[in-house]
Amino acid sequence: VGFVWILIFMLLGNAHYIVYKKNKMSFASIFLLFVIIYCISYPIVTHLDQKKGKIMNTVSLILSSILMLITFYESREAFIYTVPLFIWTSFVNYSDAKPRTGAIKREIVRCRLGA
């Protein structure tokens, strides 16, 4: 997981460089910085309060979708570098939403055994 985030931060930094080089401080450049700061703060906040994790996952999916739209409009080259963030947040949201049937079955068996 750590390697994935390092790769995503490198790609987002490269996307910011491309957008900044083209238009200096545009809305896309500022929004990219906002998303990078949000992604950096994400593990800190979820470690302190794990209940906020699912909400923050959904917010990160929404932010990455908006980021893709904005960067596509500004620079198609920068857009390519934002796609991995969307793929990763989609995967994380899917894996959180998928029911954990193995844990439920173990709990049922444990309750039946009276343990």
Protein backbone atom coordinates (compact mmCIF):
# COMPACT_ATOMS: atom_id res chain seq x y z
CA VAL A 1 0.00 0.00 0.00
CA GLY A 2 2.85 2.38 0.80
CA PHE A 3 4.45 1.82 -2.60
CA VAL A 4 1.13 2.54 -4.33
CA TRP A 5 0.78 5.89 -2.55
CA ILE A 6 4.38 6.85 -3.30
CA LEU A 7 3.74 6.12 -6.97
CA ILE A 8 0.45 8.07 -6.91
CA PHE A 9 2.13 11.09 -5.27
CA MET A 10 4.89 11.03 -7.89
CA LEU A 11 2.31 10.92 -10.69
CA LEU A 12 0.21 13.70 -9.14
CA GLY A 13 3.34 15.81 -8.69
CA ASN A 14 4.18 15.29 -12.33
CA ALA A 15 0.63 16.25 -13.33
CA HIS A 16 0.93 19.41 -11.25
CA TYR A 17 4.23 20.26 -12.91
CA ILE A 18 2.67 19.86 -16.37
CA VAL A 19 -0.36 22.01 -15.52
CA TYR A 20 1.75 24.64 -13.72
CA LYS A 21 4.23 24.84 -16.61
CA LYS A 22 1.36 25.42 -19.03
CA ASN A 23 -0.80 27.93 -17.11
CA LYS A 24 1.10 28.84 -13.92
CA MET A 25 -1.39 29.10 -11.03
CA SER A 26 -4.64 27.98 -12.61
CA PHE A 27 -7.64 26.39 -10.91
CA ALA A 28 -6.40 22.96 -11.99
CA SER A 29 -3.01 23.61 -10.39
CA ILE A 30 -4.57 24.70 -7.09
CA PHE A 31 -7.06 21.82 -7.09
CA LEU A 32 -4.23 19.35 -7.73
CA LEU A 33 -2.41 20.72 -4.69
CA PHE A 34 -5.60 20.42 -2.64
CA VAL A 35 -6.04 16.76 -3.65
CA ILE A 36 -2.40 15.99 -2.84
CA ILE A 37 -2.76 17.55 0.63
CA TYR A 38 -6.03 15.66 1.16
CA CYS A 39 -4.36 12.38 0.20
CA ILE A 40 -1.44 13.06 2.54
CA SER A 41 -3.78 13.82 5.46
CA TYR A 42 -5.96 10.79 4.74
CA PRO A 43 -3.90 8.14 6.63
CA ILE A 44 -3.42 10.45 9.61
CA VAL A 45 -7.13 11.17 10.01
CA THR A 46 -8.24 7.57 9.44
CA HIS A 47 -5.66 6.31 11.93
CA LEU A 48 -7.05 8.63 14.59
CA ASP A 49 -10.71 7.80 13.85
CA GLN A 50 -11.26 4.69 11.72
CA LYS A 51 -15.01 5.32 11.41
CA LYS A 52 -14.25 8.29 9.18
CA GLY A 53 -12.33 6.05 6.77
CA LYS A 54 -15.29 5.00 4.63
CA ILE A 55 -16.53 8.57 4.33
CA MET A 56 -13.04 9.76 3.40
CA ASN A 57 -12.78 6.94 0.82
CA THR A 58 -15.95 8.18 -0.84
CA VAL A 59 -14.75 11.79 -0.73
CA SER A 60 -11.42 10.78 -2.29
CA LEU A 61 -13.28 8.99 -5.10
CA ILE A 62 -15.36 12.11 -5.76
CA LEU A 63 -12.28 14.37 -5.62
CA SER A 64 -10.35 12.14 -7.99
CA SER A 65 -13.27 12.17 -10.44
CA ILE A 66 -13.44 15.97 -10.35
CA LEU A 67 -9.65 16.15 -10.66
CA MET A 68 -9.74 13.99 -13.78
CA LEU A 69 -12.35 16.25 -15.38
CA ILE A 70 -10.42 19.42 -14.56
CA THR A 71 -7.06 18.13 -15.73
CA PHE A 72 -8.57 16.69 -18.91
CA TYR A 73 -9.80 20.18 -19.75
CA GLU A 74 -6.42 21.79 -18.93
CA SER A 75 -3.98 19.20 -20.29
CA ARG A 76 -4.55 15.72 -21.64
CA GLU A 77 -0.98 14.84 -20.77
CA ALA A 78 -1.59 15.70 -17.11
CA PHE A 79 -4.89 13.81 -17.22
CA ILE A 80 -3.05 10.54 -17.79
CA TYR A 81 -1.15 11.03 -14.53
CA THR A 82 -4.37 11.44 -12.52
CA VAL A 83 -5.99 8.19 -13.69
CA PRO A 84 -4.08 5.92 -11.22
CA LEU A 85 -5.52 7.87 -8.28
CA PHE A 86 -9.04 7.24 -9.60
CA ILE A 87 -8.30 3.55 -10.15
CA TRP A 88 -6.85 3.17 -6.65
CA THR A 89 -9.71 4.98 -4.90
CA SER A 90 -12.23 2.94 -6.91
CA PHE A 91 -10.50 -0.26 -5.81
CA VAL A 92 -10.44 0.83 -2.17
CA ASN A 93 -14.12 1.80 -2.22
CA TYR A 94 -15.02 -1.51 -3.87
CA SER A 95 -13.02 -3.56 -1.37
CA ASP A 96 -14.63 -1.70 1.55
CA ALA A 97 -18.13 -2.21 0.16
CA LYS A 98 -17.67 -5.90 -0.59
CA PRO A 99 -19.20 -8.02 2.21
CA ARG A 100 -16.77 -10.08 4.19
CA THR A 101 -18.65 -13.39 4.15
CA GLY A 102 -15.83 -15.35 5.78
CA ALA A 103 -15.93 -13.22 8.92
CA ILE A 104 -19.73 -13.46 9.10
CA LYS A 105 -19.63 -17.26 8.79
CA ARG A 106 -16.99 -17.52 11.54
CA GLU A 107 -19.13 -15.33 13.81
CA ILE A 108 -22.22 -17.50 13.19
CA VAL A 109 -20.27 -20.69 13.97
CA ARG A 110 -18.80 -19.09 17.10
CA CYS A 111 -22.29 -18.08 18.30
CA ARG A 112 -23.67 -21.57 17.67
CA LEU A 113 -20.85 -23.16 19.62
CA GLY A 114 -21.48 -20.75 22.47
CA ALA A 115 -17.90 -19.52 22.54
